[in-house]
């Protein structure tokens, strides 16, 4: 039996190392693996450390976005951005998140 999931925003596969900074100053690394205009999914994190509605600053290296934890389990965290990305912002972030690290950081 298959389950139909209707999503409000299309998600795009990406692969970009990120840092998640908590209000208290703690910082943890992860890998952003999905991106949409409203938020993203991060893998490789200790999901037990995060709670629903916890505020997080997502650091991409060249910019930051504030968001809240929507869900966390099995080493993944889903974040919803405090404000949706504008189309131009989304396109730029998507392109940068899909390119090879050596091109992304100019090394």
PDB file of N, CA and C in Angstrom:
ATOM      1  N   UNK A   1       0.833  -1.174   0.000  1.00  0.00           N
ATOM      2  CA  UNK A   1       0.000   0.000   0.000  1.00  0.00           C
ATOM      3  C   UNK A   1       0.882   1.244   0.000  1.00  0.00           C
ATOM      4  N   UNK A   2       0.618   2.167  -0.886  1.00  0.00           N
ATOM      5  CA  UNK A   2       1.393   3.403  -0.923  1.00  0.00           C
ATOM      6  C   UNK A   2       0.622   4.518  -0.224  1.00  0.00           C
ATOM      7  N   UNK A   3       1.386   5.475   0.249  1.00  0.00           N
ATOM      8  CA  UNK A   3       0.800   6.613   0.956  1.00  0.00           C
ATOM      9  C   UNK A   3       1.072   7.865   0.140  1.00  0.00           C
ATOM     10  N   UNK A   4       0.052   8.624  -0.131  1.00  0.00           N
ATOM     11  CA  UNK A   4       0.196   9.875  -0.868  1.00  0.00           C
ATOM     12  C   UNK A   4       0.448  10.995   0.115  1.00  0.00           C
ATOM     13  N   UNK A   5       1.532  11.722  -0.100  1.00  0.00           N
ATOM     14  CA  UNK A   5       1.866  12.859   0.754  1.00  0.00           C
ATOM     15  C   UNK A   5       1.780  14.117  -0.095  1.00  0.00           C
ATOM     16  N   UNK A   6       0.928  15.026   0.309  1.00  0.00           N
ATOM     17  CA  UNK A   6       0.807  16.297  -0.404  1.00  0.00           C
ATOM     18  C   UNK A   6       1.606  17.344   0.352  1.00  0.00           C
ATOM     19  N   UNK A   7       2.537  17.951  -0.334  1.00  0.00           N
ATOM     20  CA  UNK A   7       3.407  18.947   0.291  1.00  0.00           C
ATOM     21  C   UNK A   7       3.080  20.321  -0.278  1.00  0.00           C
ATOM     22  N   UNK A   8       3.208  21.329   0.571  1.00  0.00           N
ATOM     23  CA  UNK A   8       2.877  22.684   0.137  1.00  0.00           C
ATOM     24  C   UNK A   8       3.975  23.302  -0.731  1.00  0.00           C
ATOM     25  N   UNK A   9       5.212  22.795  -0.613  1.00  0.00           N
ATOM     26  CA  UNK A   9       6.325  23.335  -1.388  1.00  0.00           C
ATOM     27  C   UNK A   9       7.171  22.199  -1.937  1.00  0.00           C
ATOM     28  N   UNK A  10       7.622  22.357  -3.164  1.00  0.00           N
ATOM     29  CA  UNK A  10       8.499  21.357  -3.768  1.00  0.00           C
ATOM     30  C   UNK A  10       9.853  21.383  -3.082  1.00  0.00           C
ATOM     31  N   UNK A  11      10.385  20.211  -2.825  1.00  0.00           N
ATOM     32  CA  UNK A  11      11.692  20.078  -2.185  1.00  0.00           C
ATOM     33  C   UNK A  11      12.731  19.701  -3.227  1.00  0.00           C
ATOM     34  N   UNK A  12      13.946  20.219  -3.027  1.00  0.00           N
ATOM     35  CA  UNK A  12      15.040  19.971  -3.956  1.00  0.00           C
ATOM     36  C   UNK A  12      16.208  19.329  -3.207  1.00  0.00           C
ATOM     37  N   UNK A  13      16.808  18.316  -3.825  1.00  0.00           N
ATOM     38  CA  UNK A  13      17.962  17.642  -3.230  1.00  0.00           C
ATOM     39  C   UNK A  13      19.178  18.543  -3.321  1.00  0.00           C
ATOM     40  N   UNK A  14      19.896  18.656  -2.219  1.00  0.00           N
ATOM     41  CA  UNK A  14      21.131  19.438  -2.148  1.00  0.00           C
ATOM     42  C   UNK A  14      22.131  18.652  -1.310  1.00  0.00           C
ATOM     43  N   UNK A  15      23.329  19.146  -1.244  1.00  0.00           N
ATOM     44  CA  UNK A  15      24.365  18.527  -0.399  1.00  0.00           C
ATOM     45  C   UNK A  15      25.310  19.634   0.020  1.00  0.00           C
ATOM     46  N   UNK A  16      25.076  20.151   1.228  1.00  0.00           N
ATOM     47  CA  UNK A  16      25.875  21.286   1.689  1.00  0.00           C
ATOM     48  C   UNK A  16      26.110  21.204   3.196  1.00  0.00           C
ATOM     49  N   UNK A  17      27.382  21.224   3.619  1.00  0.00           N
ATOM     50  CA  UNK A  17      27.672  21.257   5.053  1.00  0.00           C
ATOM     51  C   UNK A  17      27.148  22.555   5.670  1.00  0.00           C
ATOM     52  N   UNK A  18      26.546  22.444   6.845  1.00  0.00           N
ATOM     53  CA  UNK A  18      26.008  23.602   7.552  1.00  0.00           C
ATOM     54  C   UNK A  18      26.328  23.473   9.033  1.00  0.00           C
ATOM     55  N   UNK A  19      26.182  24.577   9.754  1.00  0.00           N
ATOM     56  CA  UNK A  19      26.288  24.584  11.205  1.00  0.00           C
ATOM     57  C   UNK A  19      24.959  25.042  11.763  1.00  0.00           C
ATOM     58  N   UNK A  20      24.514  24.396  12.821  1.00  0.00           N
ATOM     59  CA  UNK A  20      23.289  24.772  13.512  1.00  0.00           C
ATOM     60  C   UNK A  20      23.692  25.387  14.848  1.00  0.00           C
ATOM     61  N   UNK A  21      23.330  26.653  15.032  1.00  0.00           N
ATOM     62  CA  UNK A  21      23.664  27.357  16.261  1.00  0.00           C
ATOM     63  C   UNK A  21      22.409  27.547  17.088  1.00  0.00           C
ATOM     64  N   UNK A  22      22.485  27.195  18.355  1.00  0.00           N
ATOM     65  CA  UNK A  22      21.349  27.311  19.258  1.00  0.00           C
ATOM     66  C   UNK A  22      21.395  28.640  19.986  1.00  0.00           C
ATOM     67  N   UNK A  23      20.269  29.035  20.583  1.00  0.00           N
ATOM     68  CA  UNK A  23      20.206  30.293  21.312  1.00  0.00           C
ATOM     69  C   UNK A  23      21.241  30.369  22.418  1.00  0.00           C
ATOM     70  N   UNK A  24      21.522  29.270  23.093  1.00  0.00           N
ATOM     71  CA  UNK A  24      22.479  29.249  24.191  1.00  0.00           C
ATOM     72  C   UNK A  24      23.929  29.294  23.753  1.00  0.00           C
ATOM     73  N   UNK A  25      24.189  29.250  22.453  1.00  0.00           N
ATOM     74  CA  UNK A  25      25.547  29.338  21.942  1.00  0.00           C
ATOM     75  C   UNK A  25      26.125  28.035  21.438  1.00  0.00           C
ATOM     76  N   UNK A  26      25.453  26.899  21.703  1.00  0.00           N
ATOM     77  CA  UNK A  26      25.953  25.623  21.204  1.00  0.00           C
ATOM     78  C   UNK A  26      25.926  25.581  19.685  1.00  0.00           C
ATOM     79  N   UNK A  27      26.942  24.938  19.096  1.00  0.00           N
ATOM     80  CA  UNK A  27      27.035  24.868  17.637  1.00  0.00           C
ATOM     81  C   UNK A  27      27.337  23.438  17.236  1.00  0.00           C
ATOM     82  N   UNK A  28      26.567  22.917  16.280  1.00  0.00           N
ATOM     83  CA  UNK A  28      26.740  21.542  15.813  1.00  0.00           C
ATOM     84  C   UNK A  28      26.716  21.528  14.289  1.00  0.00           C
ATOM     85  N   UNK A  29      27.453  20.613  13.709  1.00  0.00           N
ATOM     86  CA  UNK A  29      27.501  20.488  12.265  1.00  0.00           C
ATOM     87  C   UNK A  29      26.476  19.498  11.746  1.00  0.00           C
ATOM     88  N   UNK A  30      26.166  19.623  10.467  1.00  0.00           N
ATOM     89  CA  UNK A  30      25.254  18.717   9.798  1.00  0.00           C
ATOM     90  C   UNK A  30      25.374  18.887   8.296  1.00  0.00           C
ATOM     91  N   UNK A  31      24.557  18.168   7.568  1.00  0.00           N
ATOM     92  CA  UNK A  31      24.571  18.234   6.112  1.00  0.00           C
ATOM     93  C   UNK A  31      23.152  18.529   5.627  1.00  0.00           C
ATOM     94  N   UNK A  32      22.966  19.675   4.972  1.00  0.00           N
ATOM     95  CA  UNK A  32      21.661  20.007   4.415  1.00  0.00           C
ATOM     96  C   UNK A  32      21.468  19.140   3.179  1.00  0.00           C
ATOM     97  N   UNK A  33      20.368  18.350   3.181  1.00  0.00           N
ATOM     98  CA  UNK A  33      20.144  17.424   2.072  1.00  0.00           C
ATOM     99  C   UNK A  33      18.875  17.735   1.283  1.00  0.00           C
ATOM    100  N   UNK A  34      18.011  18.592   1.812  1.00  0.00           N
ATOM    101  CA  UNK A  34      16.816  19.024   1.089  1.00  0.00           C
ATOM    102  C   UNK A  34      16.575  20.486   1.382  1.00  0.00           C
ATOM    103  N   UNK A  35      16.068  21.199   0.365  1.00  0.00           N
ATOM    104  CA  UNK A  35      15.792  22.623   0.502  1.00  0.00           C
ATOM    105  C   UNK A  35      14.492  22.951  -0.208  1.00  0.00           C
ATOM    106  N   UNK A  36      13.678  23.792   0.425  1.00  0.00           N
ATOM    107  CA  UNK A  36      12.501  24.364  -0.228  1.00  0.00           C
ATOM    108  C   UNK A  36      12.435  25.830   0.196  1.00  0.00           C
ATOM    109  N   UNK A  37      11.515  26.559  -0.327  1.00  0.00           N
ATOM    110  CA  UNK A  37      11.414  27.980  -0.027  1.00  0.00           C
ATOM    111  C   UNK A  37      11.079  28.285   1.416  1.00  0.00           C
ATOM    112  N   UNK A  38      10.514  27.304   2.120  1.00  0.00           N
ATOM    113  CA  UNK A  38      10.084  27.508   3.505  1.00  0.00           C
ATOM    114  C   UNK A  38      11.048  26.928   4.535  1.00  0.00           C
ATOM    115  N   UNK A  39      11.949  26.022   4.128  1.00  0.00           N
ATOM    116  CA  UNK A  39      12.825  25.396   5.107  1.00  0.00           C
ATOM    117  C   UNK A  39      13.750  24.375   4.491  1.00  0.00           C
ATOM    118  N   UNK A  40      14.267  23.470   5.329  1.00  0.00           N
ATOM    119  CA  UNK A  40      15.227  22.481   4.844  1.00  0.00           C
ATOM    120  C   UNK A  40      15.265  21.273   5.771  1.00  0.00           C
ATOM    121  N   UNK A  41      15.948  20.227   5.290  1.00  0.00           N
ATOM    122  CA  UNK A  41      16.167  19.022   6.087  1.00  0.00           C
ATOM    123  C   UNK A  41      17.666  18.843   6.238  1.00  0.00           C
ATOM    124  N   UNK A  42      18.085  18.577   7.481  1.00  0.00           N
ATOM    125  CA  UNK A  42      19.494  18.408   7.813  1.00  0.00           C
ATOM    126  C   UNK A  42      19.705  16.969   8.274  1.00  0.00           C
ATOM    127  N   UNK A  43      20.784  16.345   7.791  1.00  0.00           N
ATOM    128  CA  UNK A  43      21.122  14.991   8.231  1.00  0.00           C
ATOM    129  C   UNK A  43      22.426  15.015   9.024  1.00  0.00           C
ATOM    130  N   UNK A  44      22.721  13.873   9.638  1.00  0.00           N
ATOM    131  CA  UNK A  44      23.981  13.738  10.359  1.00  0.00           C
ATOM    132  C   UNK A  44      24.033  14.519  11.653  1.00  0.00           C
ATOM    133  N   UNK A  45      22.888  14.679  12.315  1.00  0.00           N
ATOM    134  CA  UNK A  45      22.836  15.417  13.580  1.00  0.00           C
ATOM    135  C   UNK A  45      22.317  14.509  14.695  1.00  0.00           C
ATOM    136  N   UNK A  46      22.573  14.904  15.919  1.00  0.00           N
ATOM    137  CA  UNK A  46      22.020  14.200  17.072  1.00  0.00           C
ATOM    138  C   UNK A  46      20.603  14.726  17.266  1.00  0.00           C
ATOM    139  N   UNK A  47      19.650  14.077  16.640  1.00  0.00           N
ATOM    140  CA  UNK A  47      18.273  14.570  16.644  1.00  0.00           C
ATOM    141  C   UNK A  47      17.666  14.597  18.045  1.00  0.00           C
ATOM    142  N   UNK A  48      18.192  13.816  18.975  1.00  0.00           N
ATOM    143  CA  UNK A  48      17.671  13.825  20.346  1.00  0.00           C
ATOM    144  C   UNK A  48      18.009  15.132  21.063  1.00  0.00           C
ATOM    145  N   UNK A  49      18.959  15.880  20.532  1.00  0.00           N
ATOM    146  CA  UNK A  49      19.379  17.143  21.140  1.00  0.00           C
ATOM    147  C   UNK A  49      18.395  18.285  20.832  1.00  0.00           C
ATOM    148  N   UNK A  50      17.569  18.112  19.814  1.00  0.00           N
ATOM    149  CA  UNK A  50      16.679  19.191  19.362  1.00  0.00           C
ATOM    150  C   UNK A  50      15.241  18.946  19.787  1.00  0.00           C
ATOM    151  N   UNK A  51      14.532  20.030  20.061  1.00  0.00           N
ATOM    152  CA  UNK A  51      13.129  19.947  20.461  1.00  0.00           C
ATOM    153  C   UNK A  51      12.268  20.735  19.475  1.00  0.00           C
ATOM    154  N   UNK A  52      11.023  20.323  19.345  1.00  0.00           N
ATOM    155  CA  UNK A  52      10.087  20.999  18.457  1.00  0.00           C
ATOM    156  C   UNK A  52       9.969  22.467  18.865  1.00  0.00           C
ATOM    157  N   UNK A  53       9.994  23.357  17.887  1.00  0.00           N
ATOM    158  CA  UNK A  53       9.861  24.812  18.038  1.00  0.00           C
ATOM    159  C   UNK A  53      11.110  25.486  18.607  1.00  0.00           C
ATOM    160  N   UNK A  54      12.200  24.753  18.761  1.00  0.00           N
ATOM    161  CA  UNK A  54      13.456  25.346  19.223  1.00  0.00           C
ATOM    162  C   UNK A  54      13.999  26.265  18.131  1.00  0.00           C
ATOM    163  N   UNK A  55      14.439  27.471  18.512  1.00  0.00           N
ATOM    164  CA  UNK A  55      14.997  28.406  17.533  1.00  0.00           C
ATOM    165  C   UNK A  55      16.443  28.029  17.224  1.00  0.00           C
ATOM    166  N   UNK A  56      16.774  28.031  15.941  1.00  0.00           N
ATOM    167  CA  UNK A  56      18.102  27.655  15.453  1.00  0.00           C
ATOM    168  C   UNK A  56      18.556  28.700  14.437  1.00  0.00           C
ATOM    169  N   UNK A  57      19.843  29.029  14.458  1.00  0.00           N
ATOM    170  CA  UNK A  57      20.431  29.822  13.385  1.00  0.00           C
ATOM    171  C   UNK A  57      21.223  28.864  12.508  1.00  0.00           C
ATOM    172  N   UNK A  58      20.875  28.817  11.256  1.00  0.00           N
ATOM    173  CA  UNK A  58      21.520  27.932  10.291  1.00  0.00           C
ATOM    174  C   UNK A  58      22.607  28.731   9.580  1.00  0.00           C
ATOM    175  N   UNK A  59      23.834  28.285   9.698  1.00  0.00           N
ATOM    176  CA  UNK A  59      24.982  28.986   9.125  1.00  0.00           C
ATOM    177  C   UNK A  59      25.455  28.214   7.898  1.00  0.00           C
ATOM    178  N   UNK A  60      25.363  28.865   6.738  1.00  0.00           N
ATOM    179  CA  UNK A  60      25.768  28.252   5.469  1.00  0.00           C
ATOM    180  C   UNK A  60      27.218  28.550   5.132  1.00  0.00           C
ATOM    181  N   UNK A  61      27.896  29.306   5.956  1.00  0.00           N
ATOM    182  CA  UNK A  61      29.266  29.708   5.662  1.00  0.00           C
ATOM    183  C   UNK A  61      29.329  31.121   5.133  1.00  0.00           C
ATOM    184  N   UNK A  62      28.494  31.438   4.137  1.00  0.00           N
ATOM    185  CA  UNK A  62      28.498  32.779   3.568  1.00  0.00           C
ATOM    186  C   UNK A  62      27.236  33.566   3.937  1.00  0.00           C
ATOM    187  N   UNK A  63      26.283  32.921   4.573  1.00  0.00           N
ATOM    188  CA  UNK A  63      25.084  33.602   5.051  1.00  0.00           C
ATOM    189  C   UNK A  63      24.418  32.771   6.136  1.00  0.00           C
ATOM    190  N   UNK A  64      23.447  33.381   6.802  1.00  0.00           N
ATOM    191  CA  UNK A  64      22.733  32.708   7.882  1.00  0.00           C
ATOM    192  C   UNK A  64      21.237  32.878   7.704  1.00  0.00           C
ATOM    193  N   UNK A  65      20.485  31.906   8.234  1.00  0.00           N
ATOM    194  CA  UNK A  65      19.021  31.965   8.247  1.00  0.00           C
ATOM    195  C   UNK A  65      18.554  31.518   9.628  1.00  0.00           C
ATOM    196  N   UNK A  66      17.568  32.209  10.150  1.00  0.00           N
ATOM    197  CA  UNK A  66      16.971  31.818  11.425  1.00  0.00           C
ATOM    198  C   UNK A  66      15.765  30.945  11.125  1.00  0.00           C
ATOM    199  N   UNK A  67      15.609  29.911  11.927  1.00  0.00           N
ATOM    200  CA  UNK A  67      14.477  29.010  11.746  1.00  0.00           C
ATOM    201  C   UNK A  67      14.092  28.334  13.040  1.00  0.00           C
ATOM    202  N   UNK A  68      13.081  27.492  12.947  1.00  0.00           N
ATOM    203  CA  UNK A  68      12.608  26.722  14.106  1.00  0.00           C
ATOM    204  C   UNK A  68      12.540  25.252  13.725  1.00  0.00           C
ATOM    205  N   UNK A  69      12.813  24.409  14.694  1.00  0.00           N
ATOM    206  CA  UNK A  69      12.760  22.961  14.484  1.00  0.00           C
ATOM    207  C   UNK A  69      11.301  22.549  14.327  1.00  0.00           C
ATOM    208  N   UNK A  70      10.984  21.908  13.206  1.00  0.00           N
ATOM    209  CA  UNK A  70       9.631  21.379  12.960  1.00  0.00           C
ATOM    210  C   UNK A  70       9.504  19.949  13.454  1.00  0.00           C
ATOM    211  N   UNK A  71      10.571  19.173  13.250  1.00  0.00           N
ATOM    212  CA  UNK A  71      10.609  17.783  13.685  1.00  0.00           C
ATOM    213  C   UNK A  71      12.070  17.353  13.796  1.00  0.00           C
ATOM    214  N   UNK A  72      12.319  16.310  14.582  1.00  0.00           N
ATOM    215  CA  UNK A  72      13.676  15.777  14.751  1.00  0.00           C
ATOM    216  C   UNK A  72      13.584  14.305  15.118  1.00  0.00           C
ATOM    217  N   UNK A  73      14.209  13.443  14.318  1.00  0.00           N
ATOM    218  CA  UNK A  73      14.269  12.015  14.635  1.00  0.00           C
ATOM    219  C   UNK A  73      15.252  11.309  13.719  1.00  0.00           C
ATOM    220  N   UNK A  74      15.755  10.183  14.191  1.00  0.00           N
ATOM    221  CA  UNK A  74      16.621   9.291  13.408  1.00  0.00           C
ATOM    222  C   UNK A  74      17.812   9.986  12.753  1.00  0.00           C
ATOM    223  N   UNK A  75      18.405  10.984  13.416  1.00  0.00           N
ATOM    224  CA  UNK A  75      19.579  11.671  12.868  1.00  0.00           C
ATOM    225  C   UNK A  75      19.254  12.770  11.875  1.00  0.00           C
ATOM    226  N   UNK A  76      17.987  13.135  11.756  1.00  0.00           N
ATOM    227  CA  UNK A  76      17.546  14.204  10.847  1.00  0.00           C
ATOM    228  C   UNK A  76      16.813  15.283  11.635  1.00  0.00           C
ATOM    229  N   UNK A  77      16.874  16.508  11.125  1.00  0.00           N
ATOM    230  CA  UNK A  77      16.134  17.633  11.698  1.00  0.00           C
ATOM    231  C   UNK A  77      15.491  18.400  10.549  1.00  0.00           C
ATOM    232  N   UNK A  78      14.208  18.716  10.700  1.00  0.00           N
ATOM    233  CA  UNK A  78      13.498  19.547   9.733  1.00  0.00           C
ATOM    234  C   UNK A  78      13.361  20.947  10.284  1.00  0.00           C
ATOM    235  N   UNK A  79      13.797  21.935   9.518  1.00  0.00           N
ATOM    236  CA  UNK A  79      13.734  23.335   9.951  1.00  0.00           C
ATOM    237  C   UNK A  79      12.790  24.129   9.072  1.00  0.00           C
ATOM    238  N   UNK A  80      12.051  25.028   9.681  1.00  0.00           N
ATOM    239  CA  UNK A  80      11.235  25.989   8.944  1.00  0.00           C
ATOM    240  C   UNK A  80      11.860  27.357   9.158  1.00  0.00           C
ATOM    241  N   UNK A  81      12.158  28.044   8.054  1.00  0.00           N
ATOM    242  CA  UNK A  81      12.768  29.359   8.151  1.00  0.00           C
ATOM    243  C   UNK A  81      11.794  30.362   8.757  1.00  0.00           C
ATOM    244  N   UNK A  82      12.335  31.356   9.482  1.00  0.00           N
ATOM    245  CA  UNK A  82      11.503  32.396  10.100  1.00  0.00           C
ATOM    246  C   UNK A  82      10.752  33.181   9.033  1.00  0.00           C
ATOM    247  N   UNK A  83      11.363  33.362   7.881  1.00  0.00           N
ATOM    248  CA  UNK A  83      10.689  34.000   6.746  1.00  0.00           C
ATOM    249  C   UNK A  83      11.050  33.225   5.484  1.00  0.00           C
ATOM    250  N   UNK A  84      10.072  33.071   4.625  1.00  0.00           N
ATOM    251  CA  UNK A  84      10.282  32.307   3.389  1.00  0.00           C
ATOM    252  C   UNK A  84      11.328  32.989   2.508  1.00  0.00           C
ATOM    253  N   UNK A  85      12.050  32.170   1.767  1.00  0.00           N
ATOM    254  CA  UNK A  85      13.034  32.702   0.829  1.00  0.00           C
ATOM    255  C   UNK A  85      12.327  33.337  -0.367  1.00  0.00           C
ATOM    256  N   UNK A  86      12.805  34.471  -0.790  1.00  0.00           N
ATOM    257  CA  UNK A  86      12.304  35.079  -2.031  1.00  0.00           C
ATOM    258  C   UNK A  86      12.834  34.247  -3.188  1.00  0.00           C
ATOM    259  N   UNK A  87      12.156  34.279  -4.335  1.00  0.00           N
ATOM    260  CA  UNK A  87      12.607  33.448  -5.466  1.00  0.00           C
ATOM    261  C   UNK A  87      14.083  33.631  -5.833  1.00  0.00           C
ATOM    262  N   UNK A  88      14.568  34.867  -5.843  1.00  0.00           N
ATOM    263  CA  UNK A  88      15.974  35.101  -6.180  1.00  0.00           C
ATOM    264  C   UNK A  88      16.899  34.521  -5.111  1.00  0.00           C
ATOM    265  N   UNK A  89      16.537  34.674  -3.838  1.00  0.00           N
ATOM    266  CA  UNK A  89      17.322  34.110  -2.733  1.00  0.00           C
ATOM    267  C   UNK A  89      17.347  32.586  -2.823  1.00  0.00           C
ATOM    268  N   UNK A  90      16.183  32.014  -3.087  1.00  0.00           N
ATOM    269  CA  UNK A  90      16.067  30.565  -3.180  1.00  0.00           C
ATOM    270  C   UNK A  90      16.943  30.038  -4.314  1.00  0.00           C
ATOM    271  N   UNK A  91      16.865  30.673  -5.491  1.00  0.00           N
ATOM    272  CA  UNK A  91      17.674  30.238  -6.629  1.00  0.00           C
ATOM    273  C   UNK A  91      19.158  30.292  -6.336  1.00  0.00           C
ATOM    274  N   UNK A  92      19.599  31.361  -5.696  1.00  0.00           N
ATOM    275  CA  UNK A  92      21.014  31.515  -5.356  1.00  0.00           C
ATOM    276  C   UNK A  92      21.456  30.454  -4.351  1.00  0.00           C
ATOM    277  N   UNK A  93      20.643  30.227  -3.313  1.00  0.00           N
ATOM    278  CA  UNK A  93      20.977  29.235  -2.298  1.00  0.00           C
ATOM    279  C   UNK A  93      20.948  27.821  -2.875  1.00  0.00           C
ATOM    280  N   UNK A  94      19.982  27.539  -3.717  1.00  0.00           N
ATOM    281  CA  UNK A  94      19.893  26.220  -4.343  1.00  0.00           C
ATOM    282  C   UNK A  94      21.114  25.961  -5.220  1.00  0.00           C
ATOM    283  N   UNK A  95      21.479  26.919  -6.032  1.00  0.00           N
ATOM    284  CA  UNK A  95      22.641  26.755  -6.908  1.00  0.00           C
ATOM    285  C   UNK A  95      23.911  26.548  -6.093  1.00  0.00           C
ATOM    286  N   UNK A  96      24.114  27.365  -5.060  1.00  0.00           N
ATOM    287  CA  UNK A  96      25.316  27.244  -4.232  1.00  0.00           C
ATOM    288  C   UNK A  96      25.336  25.922  -3.472  1.00  0.00           C
ATOM    289  N   UNK A  97      24.180  25.413  -3.104  1.00  0.00           N
ATOM    290  CA  UNK A  97      24.100  24.176  -2.329  1.00  0.00           C
ATOM    291  C   UNK A  97      24.256  22.932  -3.186  1.00  0.00           C
ATOM    292  N   UNK A  98      24.201  23.096  -4.480  1.00  0.00           N
ATOM    293  CA  UNK A  98      24.370  21.951  -5.383  1.00  0.00           C
ATOM    294  C   UNK A  98      25.748  21.895  -6.014  1.00  0.00           C
ATOM    295  N   UNK A  99      26.519  22.974  -5.927  1.00  0.00           N
ATOM    296  CA  UNK A  99      27.834  22.958  -6.569  1.00  0.00           C
ATOM    297  C   UNK A  99      28.871  22.310  -5.659  1.00  0.00           C
ATOM    298  N   UNK A 100      29.974  21.881  -6.264  1.00  0.00           N
ATOM    299  CA  UNK A 100      31.044  21.226  -5.526  1.00  0.00           C
ATOM    300  C   UNK A 100      31.654  22.204  -4.525  1.00  0.00           C
ATOM    301  N   UNK A 101      32.091  21.707  -3.360  1.00  0.00           N
ATOM    302  CA  UNK A 101      32.647  22.598  -2.325  1.00  0.00           C
ATOM    303  C   UNK A 101      33.797  23.468  -2.807  1.00  0.00           C
ATOM    304  N   UNK A 102      34.665  22.933  -3.656  1.00  0.00           N
ATOM    305  CA  UNK A 102      35.797  23.738  -4.120  1.00  0.00           C
ATOM    306  C   UNK A 102      35.328  24.929  -4.973  1.00  0.00           C
ATOM    307  N   UNK A 103      34.226  24.804  -5.681  1.00  0.00           N
ATOM    308  CA  UNK A 103      33.672  25.915  -6.448  1.00  0.00           C
ATOM    309  C   UNK A 103      32.893  26.857  -5.554  1.00  0.00           C
ATOM    310  N   UNK A 104      32.219  26.288  -4.545  1.00  0.00           N
ATOM    311  CA  UNK A 104      31.368  27.088  -3.653  1.00  0.00           C
ATOM    312  C   UNK A 104      32.201  28.081  -2.863  1.00  0.00           C
ATOM    313  N   UNK A 105      33.371  27.647  -2.385  1.00  0.00           N
ATOM    314  CA  UNK A 105      34.182  28.494  -1.513  1.00  0.00           C
ATOM    315  C   UNK A 105      35.376  29.103  -2.235  1.00  0.00           C
ATOM    316  N   UNK A 106      35.492  28.857  -3.534  1.00  0.00           N
ATOM    317  CA  UNK A 106      36.551  29.477  -4.317  1.00  0.00           C
ATOM    318  C   UNK A 106      37.944  28.973  -4.009  1.00  0.00           C
ATOM    319  N   UNK A 107      38.073  27.709  -3.598  1.00  0.00           N
ATOM    320  CA  UNK A 107      39.401  27.167  -3.304  1.00  0.00           C
ATOM    321  C   UNK A 107      39.946  26.390  -4.464  1.00  0.00           C
TER     322      UNK A 107
END
